[in-house]
């Protein structure tokens, strides 16, 4: 028999804290609830109290299924409650036999769940889905932003950023050797930081910098690591701050197009020095604009010459890709000439 203390402890938990939450339980619970809803069977939780104090009735018309993963994974789903006016505005999720307001579904009562935590449990996968598809995809994505995150595969490496008892961000990684997609046999040639997100309220506090550092250190044994192309202007600012402090990472961090062959990589630090990144980041942030532009033009010309030489020298390579060590040496030479080392 459950004691009063146990009931109290459970009542203080959130969905991510419940160890018995699994995909099959979520599926059967959702199917039973939908069946009762469709047959107009009396339900205990027939309304949800929203954070703004509004009470929203639960009807068959404003409940829908949300698939947690993409086409290549099992069709696991959760029930979502949306407003009658807008089906995209999700306000609650049905988990562990009850409705949870969206913000509560992103919380934890576990004090040890703090910082960047690897996603492992089904409950954590649900939180990752909410952050990427609902919070970023619908609620906090800039109107003029053309980037959407596809649902993360069930086994993709990801970490959630927990702060003060709530999930405030995440990042995901395409593991070296993993398939690029189901339509090709090509695999990623290096670990790639694929998606990054920090909630609006928590930005400009160094969390994105923390995420980038955690990613690079997590794959410290790899000679090179990548960030999925295109890199946004804001992310380039994060990269600039990180690489200014961590000089040893300048030669190993690349902007990458899948699958990440050498012809599909652009060194992030080199892009920053040449100003060849979104919004002319380097020109906007230079102290001595005129001198910087002159140096940039000279270095850009040298860089183009080096790239042409590298291409010519690599024509006879067996895999058709430039030799990375040769490229690195030449880039260092003209970087020194420009006073950047």
C-alpha atoms as a PDB file:
ATOM      1  CA  UNK A   1       0.000   0.000   0.000  1.00  0.00           C
ATOM      2  CA  UNK A   2       1.315   3.438  -0.892  1.00  0.00           C
ATOM      3  CA  UNK A   3       2.155   5.596   2.130  1.00  0.00           C
ATOM      4  CA  UNK A   4       1.288   9.255   2.537  1.00  0.00           C
ATOM      5  CA  UNK A   5       4.962  10.167   2.214  1.00  0.00           C
ATOM      6  CA  UNK A   6       5.224   8.237  -1.061  1.00  0.00           C
ATOM      7  CA  UNK A   7       2.110   9.950  -2.424  1.00  0.00           C
ATOM      8  CA  UNK A   8       3.523  13.324  -1.419  1.00  0.00           C
ATOM      9  CA  UNK A   9       6.873  12.535  -3.048  1.00  0.00           C
ATOM     10  CA  UNK A  10       5.170  11.438  -6.286  1.00  0.00           C
ATOM     11  CA  UNK A  11       2.928  14.524  -6.352  1.00  0.00           C
ATOM     12  CA  UNK A  12       6.034  16.708  -6.368  1.00  0.00           C
ATOM     13  CA  UNK A  13       7.495  14.875  -9.364  1.00  0.00           C
ATOM     14  CA  UNK A  14       7.235  15.891 -12.989  1.00  0.00           C
ATOM     15  CA  UNK A  15       6.909  13.519 -15.972  1.00  0.00           C
ATOM     16  CA  UNK A  16      10.670  13.349 -16.582  1.00  0.00           C
ATOM     17  CA  UNK A  17      11.177  12.228 -12.961  1.00  0.00           C
ATOM     18  CA  UNK A  18       8.854   9.207 -13.184  1.00  0.00           C
ATOM     19  CA  UNK A  19      11.040   6.112 -13.764  1.00  0.00           C
ATOM     20  CA  UNK A  20       8.142   3.958 -14.969  1.00  0.00           C
ATOM     21  CA  UNK A  21       7.405   6.267 -17.908  1.00  0.00           C
ATOM     22  CA  UNK A  22       8.131   4.325 -21.109  1.00  0.00           C
ATOM     23  CA  UNK A  23       7.034   4.424 -24.734  1.00  0.00           C
ATOM     24  CA  UNK A  24       4.637   1.475 -24.540  1.00  0.00           C
ATOM     25  CA  UNK A  25       2.972   2.875 -21.425  1.00  0.00           C
ATOM     26  CA  UNK A  26       2.580   6.248 -23.120  1.00  0.00           C
ATOM     27  CA  UNK A  27       1.060   4.573 -26.178  1.00  0.00           C
ATOM     28  CA  UNK A  28      -1.444   2.366 -24.342  1.00  0.00           C
ATOM     29  CA  UNK A  29      -2.410   5.189 -21.984  1.00  0.00           C
ATOM     30  CA  UNK A  30      -2.970   7.542 -24.918  1.00  0.00           C
ATOM     31  CA  UNK A  31      -5.010   4.968 -26.855  1.00  0.00           C
ATOM     32  CA  UNK A  32      -7.236   4.299 -23.847  1.00  0.00           C
ATOM     33  CA  UNK A  33      -7.769   8.000 -23.225  1.00  0.00           C
ATOM     34  CA  UNK A  34      -8.605   8.687 -26.867  1.00  0.00           C
ATOM     35  CA  UNK A  35     -10.998   5.753 -26.962  1.00  0.00           C
ATOM     36  CA  UNK A  36     -12.846   7.066 -23.917  1.00  0.00           C
ATOM     37  CA  UNK A  37     -12.870  10.558 -25.380  1.00  0.00           C
ATOM     38  CA  UNK A  38     -14.307   9.356 -28.680  1.00  0.00           C
ATOM     39  CA  UNK A  39     -17.015   7.316 -26.935  1.00  0.00           C
ATOM     40  CA  UNK A  40     -17.853  10.250 -24.642  1.00  0.00           C
ATOM     41  CA  UNK A  41     -16.998   8.114 -21.618  1.00  0.00           C
ATOM     42  CA  UNK A  42     -16.883  10.266 -18.459  1.00  0.00           C
ATOM     43  CA  UNK A  43     -13.316  11.399 -17.815  1.00  0.00           C
ATOM     44  CA  UNK A  44     -11.840  12.612 -14.550  1.00  0.00           C
ATOM     45  CA  UNK A  45      -9.515  15.108 -16.206  1.00  0.00           C
ATOM     46  CA  UNK A  46     -11.904  16.774 -18.606  1.00  0.00           C
ATOM     47  CA  UNK A  47     -10.326  20.213 -18.292  1.00  0.00           C
ATOM     48  CA  UNK A  48      -6.852  21.673 -17.867  1.00  0.00           C
ATOM     49  CA  UNK A  49      -5.927  24.739 -15.840  1.00  0.00           C
ATOM     50  CA  UNK A  50      -3.443  26.818 -17.814  1.00  0.00           C
ATOM     51  CA  UNK A  51      -0.693  29.003 -16.268  1.00  0.00           C
ATOM     52  CA  UNK A  52      -2.650  32.182 -17.064  1.00  0.00           C
ATOM     53  CA  UNK A  53      -5.598  30.896 -15.003  1.00  0.00           C
ATOM     54  CA  UNK A  54      -7.743  29.935 -17.981  1.00  0.00           C
ATOM     55  CA  UNK A  55      -9.482  26.573 -17.800  1.00  0.00           C
ATOM     56  CA  UNK A  56      -9.487  24.725 -21.117  1.00  0.00           C
ATOM     57  CA  UNK A  57     -11.977  21.930 -21.720  1.00  0.00           C
ATOM     58  CA  UNK A  58     -10.614  18.704 -23.173  1.00  0.00           C
ATOM     59  CA  UNK A  59     -12.592  17.591 -26.211  1.00  0.00           C
ATOM     60  CA  UNK A  60     -11.938  15.278 -29.119  1.00  0.00           C
ATOM     61  CA  UNK A  61     -11.580  18.353 -31.343  1.00  0.00           C
ATOM     62  CA  UNK A  62      -8.608  19.841 -29.483  1.00  0.00           C
ATOM     63  CA  UNK A  63      -6.615  16.678 -28.740  1.00  0.00           C
ATOM     64  CA  UNK A  64      -4.109  15.293 -31.241  1.00  0.00           C
ATOM     65  CA  UNK A  65      -1.205  12.866 -31.444  1.00  0.00           C
ATOM     66  CA  UNK A  66       2.355  14.116 -31.800  1.00  0.00           C
ATOM     67  CA  UNK A  67       4.938  11.698 -33.216  1.00  0.00           C
ATOM     68  CA  UNK A  68       8.103  11.838 -31.126  1.00  0.00           C
ATOM     69  CA  UNK A  69      10.508  10.635 -33.811  1.00  0.00           C
ATOM     70  CA  UNK A  70      11.039  10.628 -37.566  1.00  0.00           C
ATOM     71  CA  UNK A  71      10.004   8.095 -40.187  1.00  0.00           C
ATOM     72  CA  UNK A  72      12.869   5.689 -39.477  1.00  0.00           C
ATOM     73  CA  UNK A  73      11.865   5.089 -35.852  1.00  0.00           C
ATOM     74  CA  UNK A  74       8.882   3.383 -34.190  1.00  0.00           C
ATOM     75  CA  UNK A  75       5.707   5.461 -34.322  1.00  0.00           C
ATOM     76  CA  UNK A  76       5.697   6.442 -30.655  1.00  0.00           C
ATOM     77  CA  UNK A  77       3.521   9.419 -29.876  1.00  0.00           C
ATOM     78  CA  UNK A  78       2.097  11.544 -27.075  1.00  0.00           C
ATOM     79  CA  UNK A  79      -1.281  13.215 -26.746  1.00  0.00           C
ATOM     80  CA  UNK A  80      -1.238  16.991 -26.976  1.00  0.00           C
ATOM     81  CA  UNK A  81      -3.917  19.489 -26.044  1.00  0.00           C
ATOM     82  CA  UNK A  82      -4.129  22.589 -28.201  1.00  0.00           C
ATOM     83  CA  UNK A  83      -6.328  25.638 -28.211  1.00  0.00           C
ATOM     84  CA  UNK A  84      -9.509  25.457 -30.327  1.00  0.00           C
ATOM     85  CA  UNK A  85      -8.355  28.463 -32.353  1.00  0.00           C
ATOM     86  CA  UNK A  86      -4.873  27.204 -33.230  1.00  0.00           C
ATOM     87  CA  UNK A  87      -3.925  23.536 -33.542  1.00  0.00           C
ATOM     88  CA  UNK A  88      -0.248  24.452 -33.536  1.00  0.00           C
ATOM     89  CA  UNK A  89      -0.485  26.068 -30.091  1.00  0.00           C
ATOM     90  CA  UNK A  90       0.157  23.134 -27.767  1.00  0.00           C
ATOM     91  CA  UNK A  91      -0.663  23.944 -24.137  1.00  0.00           C
ATOM     92  CA  UNK A  92      -0.532  20.554 -22.391  1.00  0.00           C
ATOM     93  CA  UNK A  93       0.591  16.935 -22.758  1.00  0.00           C
ATOM     94  CA  UNK A  94      -1.019  13.737 -21.506  1.00  0.00           C
ATOM     95  CA  UNK A  95       1.644  11.796 -19.622  1.00  0.00           C
ATOM     96  CA  UNK A  96       1.447   9.208 -16.857  1.00  0.00           C
ATOM     97  CA  UNK A  97      -2.342   9.303 -16.755  1.00  0.00           C
ATOM     98  CA  UNK A  98      -2.859  13.066 -16.442  1.00  0.00           C
ATOM     99  CA  UNK A  99      -2.567  16.336 -18.310  1.00  0.00           C
ATOM    100  CA  UNK A 100       0.510  18.460 -17.739  1.00  0.00           C
ATOM    101  CA  UNK A 101       0.787  22.119 -18.697  1.00  0.00           C
ATOM    102  CA  UNK A 102       3.602  22.614 -21.207  1.00  0.00           C
ATOM    103  CA  UNK A 103       5.892  24.447 -18.777  1.00  0.00           C
ATOM    104  CA  UNK A 104       5.412  21.743 -16.123  1.00  0.00           C
ATOM    105  CA  UNK A 105       6.345  19.042 -18.639  1.00  0.00           C
ATOM    106  CA  UNK A 106       9.715  20.799 -18.972  1.00  0.00           C
ATOM    107  CA  UNK A 107      10.437  20.843 -15.231  1.00  0.00           C
ATOM    108  CA  UNK A 108      12.180  18.451 -12.861  1.00  0.00           C
ATOM    109  CA  UNK A 109      12.097  17.938  -9.102  1.00  0.00           C
ATOM    110  CA  UNK A 110      15.393  16.040  -9.186  1.00  0.00           C
ATOM    111  CA  UNK A 111      18.139  18.271  -7.778  1.00  0.00           C
ATOM    112  CA  UNK A 112      20.864  16.165  -9.398  1.00  0.00           C
ATOM    113  CA  UNK A 113      19.431  16.941 -12.815  1.00  0.00           C
ATOM    114  CA  UNK A 114      21.416  20.112 -13.405  1.00  0.00           C
ATOM    115  CA  UNK A 115      23.697  21.309 -16.194  1.00  0.00           C
ATOM    116  CA  UNK A 116      24.169  19.359 -19.414  1.00  0.00           C
ATOM    117  CA  UNK A 117      22.700  15.866 -19.010  1.00  0.00           C
ATOM    118  CA  UNK A 118      22.799  13.165 -21.697  1.00  0.00           C
ATOM    119  CA  UNK A 119      19.350  12.160 -22.951  1.00  0.00           C
ATOM    120  CA  UNK A 120      18.677   8.531 -22.048  1.00  0.00           C
ATOM    121  CA  UNK A 121      15.163   7.891 -20.698  1.00  0.00           C
ATOM    122  CA  UNK A 122      11.855   8.140 -22.610  1.00  0.00           C
ATOM    123  CA  UNK A 123      10.900  11.050 -20.356  1.00  0.00           C
ATOM    124  CA  UNK A 124      14.026  12.931 -21.407  1.00  0.00           C
ATOM    125  CA  UNK A 125      13.253  12.181 -25.061  1.00  0.00           C
ATOM    126  CA  UNK A 126       9.841  13.791 -24.552  1.00  0.00           C
ATOM    127  CA  UNK A 127      11.502  16.899 -23.086  1.00  0.00           C
ATOM    128  CA  UNK A 128      13.910  17.033 -26.046  1.00  0.00           C
ATOM    129  CA  UNK A 129      10.949  16.782 -28.425  1.00  0.00           C
ATOM    130  CA  UNK A 130       9.108  19.605 -26.660  1.00  0.00           C
ATOM    131  CA  UNK A 131      12.132  21.899 -26.765  1.00  0.00           C
ATOM    132  CA  UNK A 132      12.914  21.291 -30.441  1.00  0.00           C
ATOM    133  CA  UNK A 133       9.452  20.947 -31.958  1.00  0.00           C
ATOM    134  CA  UNK A 134       7.165  23.043 -29.740  1.00  0.00           C
ATOM    135  CA  UNK A 135       9.263  25.629 -27.894  1.00  0.00           C
ATOM    136  CA  UNK A 136      11.665  26.396 -30.756  1.00  0.00           C
ATOM    137  CA  UNK A 137       9.569  25.166 -33.676  1.00  0.00           C
ATOM    138  CA  UNK A 138       6.431  27.129 -32.789  1.00  0.00           C
ATOM    139  CA  UNK A 139       6.709  29.415 -29.763  1.00  0.00           C
ATOM    140  CA  UNK A 140      10.196  30.953 -29.833  1.00  0.00           C
ATOM    141  CA  UNK A 141      11.418  30.660 -33.401  1.00  0.00           C
ATOM    142  CA  UNK A 142      11.908  34.118 -34.977  1.00  0.00           C
ATOM    143  CA  UNK A 143       9.291  34.923 -37.611  1.00  0.00           C
ATOM    144  CA  UNK A 144      11.939  35.501 -40.306  1.00  0.00           C
ATOM    145  CA  UNK A 145      13.933  32.395 -39.306  1.00  0.00           C
ATOM    146  CA  UNK A 146      13.855  29.767 -42.053  1.00  0.00           C
ATOM    147  CA  UNK A 147      15.396  26.962 -40.005  1.00  0.00           C
ATOM    148  CA  UNK A 148      13.328  24.149 -38.531  1.00  0.00           C
ATOM    149  CA  UNK A 149      14.545  21.154 -36.555  1.00  0.00           C
ATOM    150  CA  UNK A 150      13.403  17.741 -37.742  1.00  0.00           C
ATOM    151  CA  UNK A 151      12.417  15.412 -34.887  1.00  0.00           C
ATOM    152  CA  UNK A 152      15.554  13.862 -33.446  1.00  0.00           C
ATOM    153  CA  UNK A 153      16.000  10.126 -34.113  1.00  0.00           C
ATOM    154  CA  UNK A 154      15.344   7.867 -31.133  1.00  0.00           C
ATOM    155  CA  UNK A 155      19.021   6.992 -30.701  1.00  0.00           C
ATOM    156  CA  UNK A 156      20.654  10.295 -31.602  1.00  0.00           C
ATOM    157  CA  UNK A 157      23.180  11.654 -29.108  1.00  0.00           C
ATOM    158  CA  UNK A 158      21.742  14.682 -27.327  1.00  0.00           C
ATOM    159  CA  UNK A 159      22.126  16.601 -24.087  1.00  0.00           C
ATOM    160  CA  UNK A 160      19.523  18.721 -22.323  1.00  0.00           C
ATOM    161  CA  UNK A 161      20.588  21.834 -20.432  1.00  0.00           C
ATOM    162  CA  UNK A 162      18.886  21.934 -17.023  1.00  0.00           C
ATOM    163  CA  UNK A 163      18.924  25.069 -14.894  1.00  0.00           C
ATOM    164  CA  UNK A 164      16.984  25.829 -11.705  1.00  0.00           C
ATOM    165  CA  UNK A 165      14.724  22.824 -12.155  1.00  0.00           C
ATOM    166  CA  UNK A 166      13.734  23.346 -15.778  1.00  0.00           C
ATOM    167  CA  UNK A 167      14.943  22.417 -19.247  1.00  0.00           C
ATOM    168  CA  UNK A 168      16.278  25.575 -20.881  1.00  0.00           C
ATOM    169  CA  UNK A 169      18.103  24.236 -23.931  1.00  0.00           C
ATOM    170  CA  UNK A 170      19.738  21.319 -25.682  1.00  0.00           C
ATOM    171  CA  UNK A 171      22.194  20.221 -28.309  1.00  0.00           C
ATOM    172  CA  UNK A 172      22.362  17.143 -30.520  1.00  0.00           C
ATOM    173  CA  UNK A 173      25.243  15.413 -32.288  1.00  0.00           C
ATOM    174  CA  UNK A 174      25.579  13.413 -35.484  1.00  0.00           C
ATOM    175  CA  UNK A 175      27.954  10.674 -34.428  1.00  0.00           C
ATOM    176  CA  UNK A 176      30.936   9.797 -36.595  1.00  0.00           C
ATOM    177  CA  UNK A 177      29.993   6.765 -38.709  1.00  0.00           C
ATOM    178  CA  UNK A 178      26.226   7.327 -38.457  1.00  0.00           C
ATOM    179  CA  UNK A 179      24.152   7.436 -41.642  1.00  0.00           C
ATOM    180  CA  UNK A 180      23.437  10.882 -43.050  1.00  0.00           C
ATOM    181  CA  UNK A 181      19.862   9.895 -43.879  1.00  0.00           C
ATOM    182  CA  UNK A 182      17.816   6.904 -44.958  1.00  0.00           C
ATOM    183  CA  UNK A 183      18.164   7.731 -48.658  1.00  0.00           C
ATOM    184  CA  UNK A 184      21.934   7.241 -48.843  1.00  0.00           C
ATOM    185  CA  UNK A 185      24.647   4.938 -47.588  1.00  0.00           C
ATOM    186  CA  UNK A 186      26.965   7.863 -46.799  1.00  0.00           C
ATOM    187  CA  UNK A 187      28.099   8.218 -43.191  1.00  0.00           C
ATOM    188  CA  UNK A 188      29.373  11.203 -41.232  1.00  0.00           C
ATOM    189  CA  UNK A 189      33.160  11.453 -41.363  1.00  0.00           C
ATOM    190  CA  UNK A 190      33.465  13.304 -38.051  1.00  0.00           C
ATOM    191  CA  UNK A 191      31.303  14.189 -35.026  1.00  0.00           C
ATOM    192  CA  UNK A 192      29.019  17.094 -35.949  1.00  0.00           C
ATOM    193  CA  UNK A 193      27.189  19.487 -33.642  1.00  0.00           C
ATOM    194  CA  UNK A 194      23.873  19.398 -35.466  1.00  0.00           C
ATOM    195  CA  UNK A 195      21.281  21.363 -33.474  1.00  0.00           C
ATOM    196  CA  UNK A 196      21.661  23.900 -30.648  1.00  0.00           C
ATOM    197  CA  UNK A 197      18.960  25.811 -28.802  1.00  0.00           C
ATOM    198  CA  UNK A 198      18.718  27.958 -25.666  1.00  0.00           C
ATOM    199  CA  UNK A 199      15.377  29.423 -24.577  1.00  0.00           C
ATOM    200  CA  UNK A 200      14.941  33.186 -24.995  1.00  0.00           C
ATOM    201  CA  UNK A 201      14.753  33.980 -21.294  1.00  0.00           C
ATOM    202  CA  UNK A 202      18.104  32.291 -20.675  1.00  0.00           C
ATOM    203  CA  UNK A 203      20.142  33.761 -23.520  1.00  0.00           C
ATOM    204  CA  UNK A 204      23.176  36.046 -23.175  1.00  0.00           C
ATOM    205  CA  UNK A 205      24.288  34.202 -20.047  1.00  0.00           C
ATOM    206  CA  UNK A 206      27.041  32.083 -21.590  1.00  0.00           C
ATOM    207  CA  UNK A 207      25.022  28.876 -21.993  1.00  0.00           C
ATOM    208  CA  UNK A 208      25.665  28.561 -25.746  1.00  0.00           C
ATOM    209  CA  UNK A 209      29.385  28.982 -25.051  1.00  0.00           C
ATOM    210  CA  UNK A 210      29.111  26.239 -22.439  1.00  0.00           C
ATOM    211  CA  UNK A 211      27.389  23.963 -24.951  1.00  0.00           C
ATOM    212  CA  UNK A 212      30.088  24.490 -27.592  1.00  0.00           C
ATOM    213  CA  UNK A 213      32.832  23.797 -25.063  1.00  0.00           C
ATOM    214  CA  UNK A 214      31.090  20.652 -23.843  1.00  0.00           C
ATOM    215  CA  UNK A 215      30.742  19.363 -27.397  1.00  0.00           C
ATOM    216  CA  UNK A 216      34.416  19.943 -28.235  1.00  0.00           C
ATOM    217  CA  UNK A 217      35.640  18.367 -24.996  1.00  0.00           C
ATOM    218  CA  UNK A 218      33.300  15.376 -25.374  1.00  0.00           C
ATOM    219  CA  UNK A 219      35.137  14.437 -28.572  1.00  0.00           C
ATOM    220  CA  UNK A 220      38.628  15.496 -27.512  1.00  0.00           C
ATOM    221  CA  UNK A 221      40.204  12.381 -29.043  1.00  0.00           C
ATOM    222  CA  UNK A 222      38.935  13.303 -32.523  1.00  0.00           C
ATOM    223  CA  UNK A 223      41.335  15.283 -34.708  1.00  0.00           C
ATOM    224  CA  UNK A 224      38.489  17.386 -36.082  1.00  0.00           C
ATOM    225  CA  UNK A 225      34.890  18.153 -35.102  1.00  0.00           C
ATOM    226  CA  UNK A 226      32.188  19.992 -37.011  1.00  0.00           C
ATOM    227  CA  UNK A 227      29.148  22.222 -36.782  1.00  0.00           C
ATOM    228  CA  UNK A 228      26.328  21.680 -39.264  1.00  0.00           C
ATOM    229  CA  UNK A 229      26.152  24.182 -42.105  1.00  0.00           C
ATOM    230  CA  UNK A 230      24.799  26.820 -42.317  1.00  0.00           C
ATOM    231  CA  UNK A 231      26.035  28.362 -39.073  1.00  0.00           C
ATOM    232  CA  UNK A 232      23.948  31.349 -37.985  1.00  0.00           C
ATOM    233  CA  UNK A 233      25.451  34.764 -37.244  1.00  0.00           C
ATOM    234  CA  UNK A 234      24.695  34.324 -33.539  1.00  0.00           C
ATOM    235  CA  UNK A 235      26.439  30.950 -33.470  1.00  0.00           C
ATOM    236  CA  UNK A 236      29.452  32.478 -35.215  1.00  0.00           C
ATOM    237  CA  UNK A 237      29.650  34.987 -32.369  1.00  0.00           C
ATOM    238  CA  UNK A 238      29.705  32.080 -29.918  1.00  0.00           C
ATOM    239  CA  UNK A 239      32.418  30.353 -31.959  1.00  0.00           C
ATOM    240  CA  UNK A 240      34.489  33.536 -32.049  1.00  0.00           C
ATOM    241  CA  UNK A 241      34.391  33.937 -28.260  1.00  0.00           C
ATOM    242  CA  UNK A 242      35.249  30.284 -27.759  1.00  0.00           C
ATOM    243  CA  UNK A 243      38.135  30.164 -30.236  1.00  0.00           C
ATOM    244  CA  UNK A 244      39.694  33.406 -29.002  1.00  0.00           C
ATOM    245  CA  UNK A 245      40.134  31.761 -25.601  1.00  0.00           C
ATOM    246  CA  UNK A 246      40.774  28.177 -26.742  1.00  0.00           C
ATOM    247  CA  UNK A 247      43.469  28.562 -29.394  1.00  0.00           C
ATOM    248  CA  UNK A 248      44.095  24.803 -29.547  1.00  0.00           C
ATOM    249  CA  UNK A 249      40.610  24.318 -30.997  1.00  0.00           C
ATOM    250  CA  UNK A 250      41.102  26.625 -33.986  1.00  0.00           C
ATOM    251  CA  UNK A 251      42.518  23.937 -36.269  1.00  0.00           C
ATOM    252  CA  UNK A 252      39.886  21.309 -35.413  1.00  0.00           C
ATOM    253  CA  UNK A 253      36.517  23.117 -35.571  1.00  0.00           C
ATOM    254  CA  UNK A 254      34.861  23.168 -39.010  1.00  0.00           C
ATOM    255  CA  UNK A 255      31.589  24.195 -40.612  1.00  0.00           C
ATOM    256  CA  UNK A 256      30.426  20.975 -42.233  1.00  0.00           C
ATOM    257  CA  UNK A 257      28.060  19.822 -44.940  1.00  0.00           C
ATOM    258  CA  UNK A 258      27.123  16.144 -44.729  1.00  0.00           C
ATOM    259  CA  UNK A 259      28.836  13.728 -44.812  1.00  0.00           C
ATOM    260  CA  UNK A 260      31.842  15.926 -43.985  1.00  0.00           C
ATOM    261  CA  UNK A 261      34.530  15.022 -46.511  1.00  0.00           C
ATOM    262  CA  UNK A 262      37.410  17.499 -46.640  1.00  0.00           C
ATOM    263  CA  UNK A 263      35.861  19.225 -49.643  1.00  0.00           C
ATOM    264  CA  UNK A 264      32.744  19.815 -47.503  1.00  0.00           C
ATOM    265  CA  UNK A 265      34.521  21.461 -44.581  1.00  0.00           C
ATOM    266  CA  UNK A 266      35.366  25.105 -43.935  1.00  0.00           C
ATOM    267  CA  UNK A 267      37.488  26.015 -40.952  1.00  0.00           C
ATOM    268  CA  UNK A 268      35.433  28.185 -38.585  1.00  0.00           C
ATOM    269  CA  UNK A 269      38.364  30.261 -37.352  1.00  0.00           C
ATOM    270  CA  UNK A 270      39.477  30.875 -40.927  1.00  0.00           C
ATOM    271  CA  UNK A 271      35.965  32.004 -41.859  1.00  0.00           C
ATOM    272  CA  UNK A 272      35.974  34.417 -38.938  1.00  0.00           C
ATOM    273  CA  UNK A 273      39.324  35.897 -39.950  1.00  0.00           C
ATOM    274  CA  UNK A 274      38.216  36.342 -43.556  1.00  0.00           C
ATOM    275  CA  UNK A 275      34.843  37.748 -42.582  1.00  0.00           C
ATOM    276  CA  UNK A 276      33.150  35.096 -44.714  1.00  0.00           C
ATOM    277  CA  UNK A 277      30.323  34.383 -42.275  1.00  0.00           C
ATOM    278  CA  UNK A 278      26.701  35.618 -41.933  1.00  0.00           C
ATOM    279  CA  UNK A 279      26.203  39.341 -41.510  1.00  0.00           C
ATOM    280  CA  UNK A 280      29.890  40.182 -42.150  1.00  0.00           C
ATOM    281  CA  UNK A 281      30.469  39.373 -38.493  1.00  0.00           C
ATOM    282  CA  UNK A 282      34.163  40.277 -38.451  1.00  0.00           C
ATOM    283  CA  UNK A 283      33.624  43.655 -40.101  1.00  0.00           C
ATOM    284  CA  UNK A 284      30.883  44.536 -37.603  1.00  0.00           C
ATOM    285  CA  UNK A 285      33.056  43.639 -34.629  1.00  0.00           C
ATOM    286  CA  UNK A 286      36.453  44.970 -35.662  1.00  0.00           C
ATOM    287  CA  UNK A 287      38.118  47.732 -33.640  1.00  0.00           C
ATOM    288  CA  UNK A 288      40.246  49.104 -36.416  1.00  0.00           C
ATOM    289  CA  UNK A 289      37.962  48.732 -39.423  1.00  0.00           C
ATOM    290  CA  UNK A 290      40.184  50.131 -42.156  1.00  0.00           C
ATOM    291  CA  UNK A 291      43.314  48.205 -41.240  1.00  0.00           C
ATOM    292  CA  UNK A 292      41.275  45.056 -40.700  1.00  0.00           C
ATOM    293  CA  UNK A 293      39.687  45.301 -44.132  1.00  0.00           C
ATOM    294  CA  UNK A 294      43.085  45.732 -45.797  1.00  0.00           C
ATOM    295  CA  UNK A 295      44.486  42.712 -43.993  1.00  0.00           C
ATOM    296  CA  UNK A 296      41.360  40.699 -44.734  1.00  0.00           C
ATOM    297  CA  UNK A 297      41.567  41.455 -48.459  1.00  0.00           C
ATOM    298  CA  UNK A 298      45.247  40.470 -48.551  1.00  0.00           C
ATOM    299  CA  UNK A 299      44.643  37.297 -46.564  1.00  0.00           C
ATOM    300  CA  UNK A 300      41.623  36.379 -48.649  1.00  0.00           C
ATOM    301  CA  UNK A 301      43.735  36.553 -51.796  1.00  0.00           C
ATOM    302  CA  UNK A 302      46.423  34.377 -50.180  1.00  0.00           C
ATOM    303  CA  UNK A 303      43.767  31.957 -48.983  1.00  0.00           C
ATOM    304  CA  UNK A 304      42.338  31.614 -52.480  1.00  0.00           C
ATOM    305  CA  UNK A 305      45.834  30.933 -53.845  1.00  0.00           C
ATOM    306  CA  UNK A 306      46.420  28.290 -51.184  1.00  0.00           C
ATOM    307  CA  UNK A 307      43.079  26.646 -51.910  1.00  0.00           C
ATOM    308  CA  UNK A 308      43.854  26.535 -55.638  1.00  0.00           C
ATOM    309  CA  UNK A 309      47.257  24.976 -54.929  1.00  0.00           C
ATOM    310  CA  UNK A 310      45.692  22.444 -52.595  1.00  0.00           C
ATOM    311  CA  UNK A 311      43.102  21.520 -55.192  1.00  0.00           C
ATOM    312  CA  UNK A 312      45.750  21.062 -57.875  1.00  0.00           C
ATOM    313  CA  UNK A 313      47.926  18.989 -55.555  1.00  0.00           C
ATOM    314  CA  UNK A 314      45.031  16.739 -54.604  1.00  0.00           C
ATOM    315  CA  UNK A 315      43.779  15.840 -58.071  1.00  0.00           C
ATOM    316  CA  UNK A 316      45.684  12.560 -58.070  1.00  0.00           C
ATOM    317  CA  UNK A 317      44.631  11.561 -54.536  1.00  0.00           C
ATOM    318  CA  UNK A 318      42.913   8.188 -54.423  1.00  0.00           C
ATOM    319  CA  UNK A 319      39.827   9.555 -52.667  1.00  0.00           C
ATOM    320  CA  UNK A 320      39.753  12.833 -54.567  1.00  0.00           C
ATOM    321  CA  UNK A 321      40.016  14.926 -51.390  1.00  0.00           C
ATOM    322  CA  UNK A 322      42.687  17.488 -50.453  1.00  0.00           C
ATOM    323  CA  UNK A 323      45.344  16.302 -48.061  1.00  0.00           C
ATOM    324  CA  UNK A 324      44.383  17.893 -44.711  1.00  0.00           C
ATOM    325  CA  UNK A 325      47.892  18.187 -43.278  1.00  0.00           C
ATOM    326  CA  UNK A 326      49.136  19.977 -46.389  1.00  0.00           C
ATOM    327  CA  UNK A 327      46.232  22.413 -46.230  1.00  0.00           C
ATOM    328  CA  UNK A 328      46.810  23.094 -42.539  1.00  0.00           C
ATOM    329  CA  UNK A 329      50.484  23.878 -43.099  1.00  0.00           C
ATOM    330  CA  UNK A 330      49.784  26.327 -45.912  1.00  0.00           C
ATOM    331  CA  UNK A 331      47.039  28.092 -44.015  1.00  0.00           C
ATOM    332  CA  UNK A 332      49.350  28.567 -41.067  1.00  0.00           C
ATOM    333  CA  UNK A 333      52.001  30.104 -43.348  1.00  0.00           C
ATOM    334  CA  UNK A 334      49.765  32.804 -44.777  1.00  0.00           C
ATOM    335  CA  UNK A 335      48.090  33.347 -41.398  1.00  0.00           C
ATOM    336  CA  UNK A 336      51.483  34.274 -39.968  1.00  0.00           C
ATOM    337  CA  UNK A 337      52.089  36.630 -42.882  1.00  0.00           C
ATOM    338  CA  UNK A 338      48.866  38.403 -41.977  1.00  0.00           C
ATOM    339  CA  UNK A 339      49.796  38.588 -38.295  1.00  0.00           C
ATOM    340  CA  UNK A 340      47.046  36.307 -37.058  1.00  0.00           C
ATOM    341  CA  UNK A 341      49.012  33.647 -35.205  1.00  0.00           C
END
